[in-house]
Amino acid sequence: IANKGISSTDAHAKEWVSSAIQDFNNVGDLPGTQIDLFKSIDGARFGASLEGNACSGSFICTGFSTPQHEPTIGFTLPHFQVTCGTQTYFGPDVNHFSGFDS
């Protein structure tokens, strides 16, 4: 459903359920958790800390668990870690493995 676009969601949902509700939230409508990313010294691994807690390694960046607007960094996107078979992706593209051109 997500890969085919929001306009056809109702029609596709009715194949599985009797009713569907669509909702939309603007950036900043939902509270978010601050997530700081760190990488290991050798750069082979990364870790995340929540709400400013300490984590070992070199600081990479700060983001949030929901889309937000921060005056110093602008608009933020949530990031996802997805593993598909032997491949792993970390980043904001929820459709990374779908073949859908996002």
PDB file of N, CA and C in Angstrom:
ATOM      1  N   ILE A   1       0.833  -1.187   0.000  1.00  0.00           N
ATOM      2  CA  ILE A   1       0.000   0.000   0.000  1.00  0.00           C
ATOM      3  C   ILE A   1       0.871   1.242   0.000  1.00  0.00           C
ATOM      4  N   ALA A   2       1.867   1.295   0.883  1.00  0.00           N
ATOM      5  CA  ALA A   2       2.692   2.496   0.992  1.00  0.00           C
ATOM      6  C   ALA A   2       3.445   2.777  -0.300  1.00  0.00           C
ATOM      7  N   ASN A   3       3.813   1.732  -1.026  1.00  0.00           N
ATOM      8  CA  ASN A   3       4.590   1.925  -2.242  1.00  0.00           C
ATOM      9  C   ASN A   3       3.759   2.433  -3.406  1.00  0.00           C
ATOM     10  N   LYS A   4       2.443   2.324  -3.335  1.00  0.00           N
ATOM     11  CA  LYS A   4       1.602   2.724  -4.457  1.00  0.00           C
ATOM     12  C   LYS A   4       1.047   4.134  -4.309  1.00  0.00           C
ATOM     13  N   GLY A   5       1.311   4.780  -3.213  1.00  0.00           N
ATOM     14  CA  GLY A   5       0.874   6.157  -3.045  1.00  0.00           C
ATOM     15  C   GLY A   5      -0.364   6.265  -2.182  1.00  0.00           C
ATOM     16  N   ILE A   6      -0.504   7.404  -1.541  1.00  0.00           N
ATOM     17  CA  ILE A   6      -1.595   7.629  -0.595  1.00  0.00           C
ATOM     18  C   ILE A   6      -2.958   7.688  -1.278  1.00  0.00           C
ATOM     19  N   SER A   7      -3.000   8.111  -2.539  1.00  0.00           N
ATOM     20  CA  SER A   7      -4.292   8.281  -3.211  1.00  0.00           C
ATOM     21  C   SER A   7      -5.027   6.961  -3.417  1.00  0.00           C
ATOM     22  N   SER A   8      -4.323   5.857  -3.498  1.00  0.00           N
ATOM     23  CA  SER A   8      -4.982   4.567  -3.721  1.00  0.00           C
ATOM     24  C   SER A   8      -5.047   3.721  -2.450  1.00  0.00           C
ATOM     25  N   THR A   9      -4.727   4.291  -1.298  1.00  0.00           N
ATOM     26  CA  THR A   9      -4.693   3.538  -0.051  1.00  0.00           C
ATOM     27  C   THR A   9      -6.042   2.929   0.283  1.00  0.00           C
ATOM     28  N   ASP A  10      -7.127   3.699   0.200  1.00  0.00           N
ATOM     29  CA  ASP A  10      -8.451   3.178   0.550  1.00  0.00           C
ATOM     30  C   ASP A  10      -8.826   1.970  -0.293  1.00  0.00           C
ATOM     31  N   ALA A  11      -8.609   2.055  -1.577  1.00  0.00           N
ATOM     32  CA  ALA A  11      -8.973   0.949  -2.465  1.00  0.00           C
ATOM     33  C   ALA A  11      -8.177  -0.308  -2.134  1.00  0.00           C
ATOM     34  N   HIS A  12      -6.882  -0.161  -1.896  1.00  0.00           N
ATOM     35  CA  HIS A  12      -6.054  -1.323  -1.575  1.00  0.00           C
ATOM     36  C   HIS A  12      -6.372  -1.872  -0.189  1.00  0.00           C
ATOM     37  N   ALA A  13      -6.674  -1.013   0.758  1.00  0.00           N
ATOM     38  CA  ALA A  13      -6.996  -1.458   2.113  1.00  0.00           C
ATOM     39  C   ALA A  13      -8.272  -2.288   2.123  1.00  0.00           C
ATOM     40  N   LYS A  14      -9.230  -1.950   1.281  1.00  0.00           N
ATOM     41  CA  LYS A  14     -10.504  -2.682   1.262  1.00  0.00           C
ATOM     42  C   LYS A  14     -10.340  -4.117   0.793  1.00  0.00           C
ATOM     43  N   GLU A  15      -9.194  -4.441   0.199  1.00  0.00           N
ATOM     44  CA  GLU A  15      -8.924  -5.830  -0.152  1.00  0.00           C
ATOM     45  C   GLU A  15      -8.709  -6.673   1.110  1.00  0.00           C
ATOM     46  N   TRP A  16      -8.334  -6.015   2.242  1.00  0.00           N
ATOM     47  CA  TRP A  16      -8.011  -6.736   3.476  1.00  0.00           C
ATOM     48  C   TRP A  16      -8.955  -6.425   4.631  1.00  0.00           C
ATOM     49  N   VAL A  17      -9.487  -5.217   4.681  1.00  0.00           N
ATOM     50  CA  VAL A  17     -10.339  -4.813   5.801  1.00  0.00           C
ATOM     51  C   VAL A  17     -11.576  -4.103   5.278  1.00  0.00           C
ATOM     52  N   SER A  18     -12.603  -3.982   6.135  1.00  0.00           N
ATOM     53  CA  SER A  18     -13.850  -3.365   5.694  1.00  0.00           C
ATOM     54  C   SER A  18     -13.784  -1.840   5.672  1.00  0.00           C
ATOM     55  N   SER A  19     -12.893  -1.237   6.444  1.00  0.00           N
ATOM     56  CA  SER A  19     -12.773   0.225   6.425  1.00  0.00           C
ATOM     57  C   SER A  19     -11.327   0.624   6.730  1.00  0.00           C
ATOM     58  N   ALA A  20     -10.970   1.825   6.300  1.00  0.00           N
ATOM     59  CA  ALA A  20      -9.630   2.357   6.536  1.00  0.00           C
ATOM     60  C   ALA A  20      -9.743   3.841   6.852  1.00  0.00           C
ATOM     61  N   ILE A  21      -8.811   4.330   7.667  1.00  0.00           N
ATOM     62  CA  ILE A  21      -8.770   5.749   8.019  1.00  0.00           C
ATOM     63  C   ILE A  21      -7.414   6.292   7.611  1.00  0.00           C
ATOM     64  N   GLN A  22      -7.434   7.398   6.882  1.00  0.00           N
ATOM     65  CA  GLN A  22      -6.186   8.069   6.519  1.00  0.00           C
ATOM     66  C   GLN A  22      -6.040   9.295   7.411  1.00  0.00           C
ATOM     67  N   ASP A  23      -4.829   9.554   7.817  1.00  0.00           N
ATOM     68  CA  ASP A  23      -4.554  10.718   8.659  1.00  0.00           C
ATOM     69  C   ASP A  23      -3.222  11.301   8.215  1.00  0.00           C
ATOM     70  N   PHE A  24      -3.030  12.573   8.459  1.00  0.00           N
ATOM     71  CA  PHE A  24      -1.813  13.255   8.066  1.00  0.00           C
ATOM     72  C   PHE A  24      -1.381  14.160   9.205  1.00  0.00           C
ATOM     73  N   ASN A  25      -0.118  14.134   9.522  1.00  0.00           N
ATOM     74  CA  ASN A  25       0.437  15.014  10.548  1.00  0.00           C
ATOM     75  C   ASN A  25       1.500  15.899   9.920  1.00  0.00           C
ATOM     76  N   ASN A  26       1.470  17.167  10.280  1.00  0.00           N
ATOM     77  CA  ASN A  26       2.490  18.098   9.819  1.00  0.00           C
ATOM     78  C   ASN A  26       3.761  17.939  10.638  1.00  0.00           C
ATOM     79  N   VAL A  27       4.868  18.411  10.093  1.00  0.00           N
ATOM     80  CA  VAL A  27       6.146  18.379  10.800  1.00  0.00           C
ATOM     81  C   VAL A  27       5.973  19.062  12.152  1.00  0.00           C
ATOM     82  N   GLY A  28       6.394  18.373  13.211  1.00  0.00           N
ATOM     83  CA  GLY A  28       6.317  18.918  14.551  1.00  0.00           C
ATOM     84  C   GLY A  28       5.022  18.625  15.278  1.00  0.00           C
ATOM     85  N   ASP A  29       4.015  18.058  14.592  1.00  0.00           N
ATOM     86  CA  ASP A  29       2.745  17.746  15.260  1.00  0.00           C
ATOM     87  C   ASP A  29       2.902  16.665  16.317  1.00  0.00           C
ATOM     88  N   LEU A  30       3.762  15.690  16.057  1.00  0.00           N
ATOM     89  CA  LEU A  30       3.964  14.590  16.992  1.00  0.00           C
ATOM     90  C   LEU A  30       5.254  14.799  17.761  1.00  0.00           C
ATOM     91  N   PRO A  31       5.247  14.479  19.051  1.00  0.00           N
ATOM     92  CA  PRO A  31       6.490  14.634  19.818  1.00  0.00           C
ATOM     93  C   PRO A  31       7.536  13.661  19.307  1.00  0.00           C
ATOM     94  N   GLY A  32       8.784  14.052  19.403  1.00  0.00           N
ATOM     95  CA  GLY A  32       9.874  13.197  18.945  1.00  0.00           C
ATOM     96  C   GLY A  32      10.905  13.006  20.035  1.00  0.00           C
ATOM     97  N   THR A  33      11.636  11.936  19.944  1.00  0.00           N
ATOM     98  CA  THR A  33      12.733  11.650  20.851  1.00  0.00           C
ATOM     99  C   THR A  33      14.035  12.036  20.162  1.00  0.00           C
ATOM    100  N   GLN A  34      14.883  12.799  20.838  1.00  0.00           N
ATOM    101  CA  GLN A  34      16.183  13.164  20.273  1.00  0.00           C
ATOM    102  C   GLN A  34      17.062  11.927  20.200  1.00  0.00           C
ATOM    103  N   ILE A  35      17.680  11.720  19.036  1.00  0.00           N
ATOM    104  CA  ILE A  35      18.572  10.586  18.819  1.00  0.00           C
ATOM    105  C   ILE A  35      19.911  11.123  18.317  1.00  0.00           C
ATOM    106  N   ASP A  36      20.979  10.823  19.058  1.00  0.00           N
ATOM    107  CA  ASP A  36      22.334  11.211  18.651  1.00  0.00           C
ATOM    108  C   ASP A  36      23.040   9.979  18.119  1.00  0.00           C
ATOM    109  N   LEU A  37      23.677  10.114  16.953  1.00  0.00           N
ATOM    110  CA  LEU A  37      24.407   8.996  16.356  1.00  0.00           C
ATOM    111  C   LEU A  37      25.902   9.155  16.584  1.00  0.00           C
ATOM    112  N   PHE A  38      26.548   8.028  16.831  1.00  0.00           N
ATOM    113  CA  PHE A  38      27.985   7.966  17.066  1.00  0.00           C
ATOM    114  C   PHE A  38      28.562   6.841  16.220  1.00  0.00           C
ATOM    115  N   LYS A  39      29.821   6.983  15.804  1.00  0.00           N
ATOM    116  CA  LYS A  39      30.484   5.884  15.094  1.00  0.00           C
ATOM    117  C   LYS A  39      31.702   5.447  15.889  1.00  0.00           C
ATOM    118  N   SER A  40      32.068   4.166  15.704  1.00  0.00           N
ATOM    119  CA  SER A  40      33.245   3.634  16.386  1.00  0.00           C
ATOM    120  C   SER A  40      34.495   4.273  15.786  1.00  0.00           C
ATOM    121  N   ILE A  41      35.581   4.184  16.491  1.00  0.00           N
ATOM    122  CA  ILE A  41      36.820   4.804  16.035  1.00  0.00           C
ATOM    123  C   ILE A  41      37.260   4.242  14.688  1.00  0.00           C
ATOM    124  N   ASP A  42      37.045   2.927  14.465  1.00  0.00           N
ATOM    125  CA  ASP A  42      37.433   2.340  13.181  1.00  0.00           C
ATOM    126  C   ASP A  42      36.376   2.570  12.093  1.00  0.00           C
ATOM    127  N   GLY A  43      35.230   3.161  12.458  1.00  0.00           N
ATOM    128  CA  GLY A  43      34.181   3.478  11.490  1.00  0.00           C
ATOM    129  C   GLY A  43      33.368   2.287  11.032  1.00  0.00           C
ATOM    130  N   ALA A  44      33.578   1.121  11.633  1.00  0.00           N
ATOM    131  CA  ALA A  44      32.889  -0.093  11.196  1.00  0.00           C
ATOM    132  C   ALA A  44      31.519  -0.273  11.843  1.00  0.00           C
ATOM    133  N   ARG A  45      31.256   0.435  12.931  1.00  0.00           N
ATOM    134  CA  ARG A  45      29.988   0.284  13.658  1.00  0.00           C
ATOM    135  C   ARG A  45      29.458   1.657  14.032  1.00  0.00           C
ATOM    136  N   PHE A  46      28.146   1.692  14.309  1.00  0.00           N
ATOM    137  CA  PHE A  46      27.582   2.927  14.821  1.00  0.00           C
ATOM    138  C   PHE A  46      26.640   2.598  15.964  1.00  0.00           C
ATOM    139  N   GLY A  47      26.358   3.597  16.757  1.00  0.00           N
ATOM    140  CA  GLY A  47      25.439   3.442  17.880  1.00  0.00           C
ATOM    141  C   GLY A  47      24.605   4.692  18.024  1.00  0.00           C
ATOM    142  N   ALA A  48      23.554   4.582  18.792  1.00  0.00           N
ATOM    143  CA  ALA A  48      22.650   5.706  19.003  1.00  0.00           C
ATOM    144  C   ALA A  48      22.380   5.880  20.488  1.00  0.00           C
ATOM    145  N   SER A  49      22.236   7.111  20.907  1.00  0.00           N
ATOM    146  CA  SER A  49      21.828   7.394  22.276  1.00  0.00           C
ATOM    147  C   SER A  49      20.573   8.256  22.220  1.00  0.00           C
ATOM    148  N   LEU A  50      19.733   8.121  23.222  1.00  0.00           N
ATOM    149  CA  LEU A  50      18.460   8.837  23.271  1.00  0.00           C
ATOM    150  C   LEU A  50      18.508   9.983  24.259  1.00  0.00           C
ATOM    151  N   GLU A  51      17.878  11.085  23.880  1.00  0.00           N
ATOM    152  CA  GLU A  51      17.690  12.252  24.757  1.00  0.00           C
ATOM    153  C   GLU A  51      18.987  12.774  25.350  1.00  0.00           C
ATOM    154  N   GLY A  52      20.067  12.779  24.559  1.00  0.00           N
ATOM    155  CA  GLY A  52      21.318  13.389  24.989  1.00  0.00           C
ATOM    156  C   GLY A  52      22.169  12.552  25.922  1.00  0.00           C
ATOM    157  N   ASN A  53      21.822  11.293  26.135  1.00  0.00           N
ATOM    158  CA  ASN A  53      22.651  10.427  26.992  1.00  0.00           C
ATOM    159  C   ASN A  53      23.968  10.116  26.291  1.00  0.00           C
ATOM    160  N   ALA A  54      24.969   9.813  27.099  1.00  0.00           N
ATOM    161  CA  ALA A  54      26.314   9.577  26.564  1.00  0.00           C
ATOM    162  C   ALA A  54      26.391   8.264  25.790  1.00  0.00           C
ATOM    163  N   CYS A  55      27.274   8.229  24.796  1.00  0.00           N
ATOM    164  CA  CYS A  55      27.542   7.030  24.012  1.00  0.00           C
ATOM    165  C   CYS A  55      29.011   7.088  23.619  1.00  0.00           C
ATOM    166  N   SER A  56      29.683   5.937  23.548  1.00  0.00           N
ATOM    167  CA  SER A  56      31.101   5.955  23.182  1.00  0.00           C
ATOM    168  C   SER A  56      31.248   6.116  21.676  1.00  0.00           C
ATOM    169  N   GLY A  57      32.369   6.647  21.250  1.00  0.00           N
ATOM    170  CA  GLY A  57      32.643   6.859  19.840  1.00  0.00           C
ATOM    171  C   GLY A  57      32.595   8.325  19.472  1.00  0.00           C
ATOM    172  N   SER A  58      32.724   8.591  18.187  1.00  0.00           N
ATOM    173  CA  SER A  58      32.719   9.962  17.671  1.00  0.00           C
ATOM    174  C   SER A  58      31.301  10.376  17.298  1.00  0.00           C
ATOM    175  N   PHE A  59      30.892  11.536  17.736  1.00  0.00           N
ATOM    176  CA  PHE A  59      29.563  12.059  17.434  1.00  0.00           C
ATOM    177  C   PHE A  59      29.436  12.310  15.930  1.00  0.00           C
ATOM    178  N   ILE A  60      28.290  11.906  15.349  1.00  0.00           N
ATOM    179  CA  ILE A  60      28.030  12.122  13.921  1.00  0.00           C
ATOM    180  C   ILE A  60      26.975  13.204  13.717  1.00  0.00           C
ATOM    181  N   CYS A  61      25.794  13.004  14.304  1.00  0.00           N
ATOM    182  CA  CYS A  61      24.708  13.966  14.092  1.00  0.00           C
ATOM    183  C   CYS A  61      23.581  13.734  15.092  1.00  0.00           C
ATOM    184  N   THR A  62      22.635  14.659  15.107  1.00  0.00           N
ATOM    185  CA  THR A  62      21.444  14.570  15.948  1.00  0.00           C
ATOM    186  C   THR A  62      20.213  14.563  15.058  1.00  0.00           C
ATOM    187  N   GLY A  63      19.252  13.739  15.426  1.00  0.00           N
ATOM    188  CA  GLY A  63      17.970  13.709  14.725  1.00  0.00           C
ATOM    189  C   GLY A  63      16.868  13.415  15.717  1.00  0.00           C
ATOM    190  N   PHE A  64      15.691  13.119  15.202  1.00  0.00           N
ATOM    191  CA  PHE A  64      14.535  12.851  16.039  1.00  0.00           C
ATOM    192  C   PHE A  64      13.773  11.656  15.501  1.00  0.00           C
ATOM    193  N   SER A  65      12.964  11.029  16.344  1.00  0.00           N
ATOM    194  CA  SER A  65      12.216   9.838  15.948  1.00  0.00           C
ATOM    195  C   SER A  65      10.999  10.165  15.093  1.00  0.00           C
ATOM    196  N   THR A  66      10.605  11.426  15.020  1.00  0.00           N
ATOM    197  CA  THR A  66       9.524  11.883  14.149  1.00  0.00           C
ATOM    198  C   THR A  66      10.007  13.136  13.428  1.00  0.00           C
ATOM    199  N   PRO A  67       9.430  13.480  12.284  1.00  0.00           N
ATOM    200  CA  PRO A  67       9.853  14.702  11.586  1.00  0.00           C
ATOM    201  C   PRO A  67       9.673  15.933  12.484  1.00  0.00           C
ATOM    202  N   GLN A  68      10.703  16.748  12.547  1.00  0.00           N
ATOM    203  CA  GLN A  68      10.689  17.949  13.389  1.00  0.00           C
ATOM    204  C   GLN A  68      11.325  19.102  12.629  1.00  0.00           C
ATOM    205  N   HIS A  69      11.124  20.297  13.136  1.00  0.00           N
ATOM    206  CA  HIS A  69      11.861  21.452  12.634  1.00  0.00           C
ATOM    207  C   HIS A  69      12.617  22.047  13.797  1.00  0.00           C
ATOM    208  N   GLU A  70      13.922  22.060  13.656  1.00  0.00           N
ATOM    209  CA  GLU A  70      14.793  22.627  14.674  1.00  0.00           C
ATOM    210  C   GLU A  70      15.452  23.868  14.088  1.00  0.00           C
ATOM    211  N   PRO A  71      15.415  25.001  14.800  1.00  0.00           N
ATOM    212  CA  PRO A  71      15.970  26.248  14.258  1.00  0.00           C
ATOM    213  C   PRO A  71      17.428  26.146  13.807  1.00  0.00           C
ATOM    214  N   THR A  72      18.251  25.358  14.519  1.00  0.00           N
ATOM    215  CA  THR A  72      19.673  25.309  14.172  1.00  0.00           C
ATOM    216  C   THR A  72      19.991  24.317  13.056  1.00  0.00           C
ATOM    217  N   ILE A  73      19.113  23.297  12.829  1.00  0.00           N
ATOM    218  CA  ILE A  73      19.409  22.303  11.802  1.00  0.00           C
ATOM    219  C   ILE A  73      18.321  22.187  10.736  1.00  0.00           C
ATOM    220  N   GLY A  74      17.221  22.891  10.897  1.00  0.00           N
ATOM    221  CA  GLY A  74      16.146  22.848   9.905  1.00  0.00           C
ATOM    222  C   GLY A  74      15.257  21.631  10.082  1.00  0.00           C
ATOM    223  N   PHE A  75      14.712  21.136   8.967  1.00  0.00           N
ATOM    224  CA  PHE A  75      13.807  19.999   9.011  1.00  0.00           C
ATOM    225  C   PHE A  75      14.590  18.702   9.183  1.00  0.00           C
ATOM    226  N   THR A  76      14.071  17.814  10.017  1.00  0.00           N
ATOM    227  CA  THR A  76      14.707  16.528  10.260  1.00  0.00           C
ATOM    228  C   THR A  76      13.781  15.404   9.811  1.00  0.00           C
ATOM    229  N   LEU A  77      14.352  14.301   9.396  1.00  0.00           N
ATOM    230  CA  LEU A  77      13.592  13.127   9.002  1.00  0.00           C
ATOM    231  C   LEU A  77      13.951  11.970   9.921  1.00  0.00           C
ATOM    232  N   PRO A  78      12.976  11.128  10.260  1.00  0.00           N
ATOM    233  CA  PRO A  78      13.327   9.944  11.041  1.00  0.00           C
ATOM    234  C   PRO A  78      14.172   8.997  10.193  1.00  0.00           C
ATOM    235  N   HIS A  79      15.046   8.259  10.830  1.00  0.00           N
ATOM    236  CA  HIS A  79      15.898   7.280  10.149  1.00  0.00           C
ATOM    237  C   HIS A  79      15.464   5.872  10.553  1.00  0.00           C
ATOM    238  N   PHE A  80      15.718   4.923   9.677  1.00  0.00           N
ATOM    239  CA  PHE A  80      15.314   3.544   9.887  1.00  0.00           C
ATOM    240  C   PHE A  80      16.519   2.637   9.683  1.00  0.00           C
ATOM    241  N   GLN A  81      16.602   1.567  10.471  1.00  0.00           N
ATOM    242  CA  GLN A  81      17.570   0.522  10.195  1.00  0.00           C
ATOM    243  C   GLN A  81      16.770  -0.681   9.733  1.00  0.00           C
ATOM    244  N   VAL A  82      16.992  -1.085   8.487  1.00  0.00           N
ATOM    245  CA  VAL A  82      16.240  -2.171   7.870  1.00  0.00           C
ATOM    246  C   VAL A  82      17.228  -3.213   7.365  1.00  0.00           C
ATOM    247  N   THR A  83      16.988  -4.467   7.694  1.00  0.00           N
ATOM    248  CA  THR A  83      17.802  -5.552   7.171  1.00  0.00           C
ATOM    249  C   THR A  83      16.928  -6.412   6.275  1.00  0.00           C
ATOM    250  N   CYS A  84      17.413  -6.659   5.081  1.00  0.00           N
ATOM    251  CA  CYS A  84      16.707  -7.473   4.105  1.00  0.00           C
ATOM    252  C   CYS A  84      17.696  -8.524   3.604  1.00  0.00           C
ATOM    253  N   GLY A  85      17.513  -9.770   4.037  1.00  0.00           N
ATOM    254  CA  GLY A  85      18.482 -10.805   3.697  1.00  0.00           C
ATOM    255  C   GLY A  85      19.826 -10.494   4.333  1.00  0.00           C
ATOM    256  N   THR A  86      20.853 -10.349   3.516  1.00  0.00           N
ATOM    257  CA  THR A  86      22.190 -10.056   4.028  1.00  0.00           C
ATOM    258  C   THR A  86      22.541  -8.575   3.940  1.00  0.00           C
ATOM    259  N   GLN A  87      21.625  -7.754   3.442  1.00  0.00           N
ATOM    260  CA  GLN A  87      21.886  -6.317   3.293  1.00  0.00           C
ATOM    261  C   GLN A  87      21.214  -5.530   4.419  1.00  0.00           C
ATOM    262  N   THR A  88      21.911  -4.505   4.899  1.00  0.00           N
ATOM    263  CA  THR A  88      21.368  -3.623   5.927  1.00  0.00           C
ATOM    264  C   THR A  88      21.458  -2.195   5.447  1.00  0.00           C
ATOM    265  N   TYR A  89      20.406  -1.442   5.683  1.00  0.00           N
ATOM    266  CA  TYR A  89      20.358  -0.021   5.318  1.00  0.00           C
ATOM    267  C   TYR A  89      20.023   0.772   6.566  1.00  0.00           C
ATOM    268  N   PHE A  90      20.671   1.906   6.731  1.00  0.00           N
ATOM    269  CA  PHE A  90      20.328   2.865   7.782  1.00  0.00           C
ATOM    270  C   PHE A  90      20.201   4.226   7.129  1.00  0.00           C
ATOM    271  N   GLY A  91      19.053   4.855   7.263  1.00  0.00           N
ATOM    272  CA  GLY A  91      18.841   6.179   6.688  1.00  0.00           C
ATOM    273  C   GLY A  91      17.369   6.529   6.651  1.00  0.00           C
ATOM    274  N   PRO A  92      17.025   7.630   6.011  1.00  0.00           N
ATOM    275  CA  PRO A  92      15.646   8.122   6.031  1.00  0.00           C
ATOM    276  C   PRO A  92      14.724   7.489   4.987  1.00  0.00           C
ATOM    277  N   ASP A  93      15.249   6.675   4.076  1.00  0.00           N
ATOM    278  CA  ASP A  93      14.435   6.130   2.993  1.00  0.00           C
ATOM    279  C   ASP A  93      13.766   4.826   3.411  1.00  0.00           C
ATOM    280  N   VAL A  94      12.512   4.914   3.870  1.00  0.00           N
ATOM    281  CA  VAL A  94      11.780   3.731   4.326  1.00  0.00           C
ATOM    282  C   VAL A  94      11.541   2.751   3.179  1.00  0.00           C
ATOM    283  N   ASN A  95      11.610   3.208   1.939  1.00  0.00           N
ATOM    284  CA  ASN A  95      11.388   2.362   0.767  1.00  0.00           C
ATOM    285  C   ASN A  95      12.695   1.860   0.144  1.00  0.00           C
ATOM    286  N   HIS A  96      13.795   1.920   0.853  1.00  0.00           N
ATOM    287  CA  HIS A  96      15.115   1.600   0.308  1.00  0.00           C
ATOM    288  C   HIS A  96      15.154   0.261  -0.440  1.00  0.00           C
ATOM    289  N   PHE A  97      14.572  -0.788   0.121  1.00  0.00           N
ATOM    290  CA  PHE A  97      14.624  -2.109  -0.495  1.00  0.00           C
ATOM    291  C   PHE A  97      13.414  -2.418  -1.379  1.00  0.00           C
ATOM    292  N   SER A  98      12.495  -1.489  -1.532  1.00  0.00           N
ATOM    293  CA  SER A  98      11.249  -1.791  -2.230  1.00  0.00           C
ATOM    294  C   SER A  98      11.342  -1.702  -3.749  1.00  0.00           C
ATOM    295  N   GLY A  99      12.364  -1.044  -4.259  1.00  0.00           N
ATOM    296  CA  GLY A  99      12.426  -0.822  -5.696  1.00  0.00           C
ATOM    297  C   GLY A  99      11.602   0.373  -6.118  1.00  0.00           C
ATOM    298  N   PHE A 100      10.941   1.008  -5.151  1.00  0.00           N
ATOM    299  CA  PHE A 100      10.122   2.200  -5.404  1.00  0.00           C
ATOM    300  C   PHE A 100      11.048   3.400  -5.406  1.00  0.00           C
ATOM    301  N   ASP A 101      10.955   4.241  -6.428  1.00  0.00           N
ATOM    302  CA  ASP A 101      11.815   5.420  -6.540  1.00  0.00           C
ATOM    303  C   ASP A 101      11.277   6.515  -5.638  1.00  0.00           C
ATOM    304  N   SER A 102      11.834   6.616  -4.427  1.00  0.00           N
ATOM    305  CA  SER A 102      11.364   7.648  -3.504  1.00  0.00           C
ATOM    306  C   SER A 102      12.204   8.874  -3.704  1.00  0.00           C
TER     307      SER A 102
END
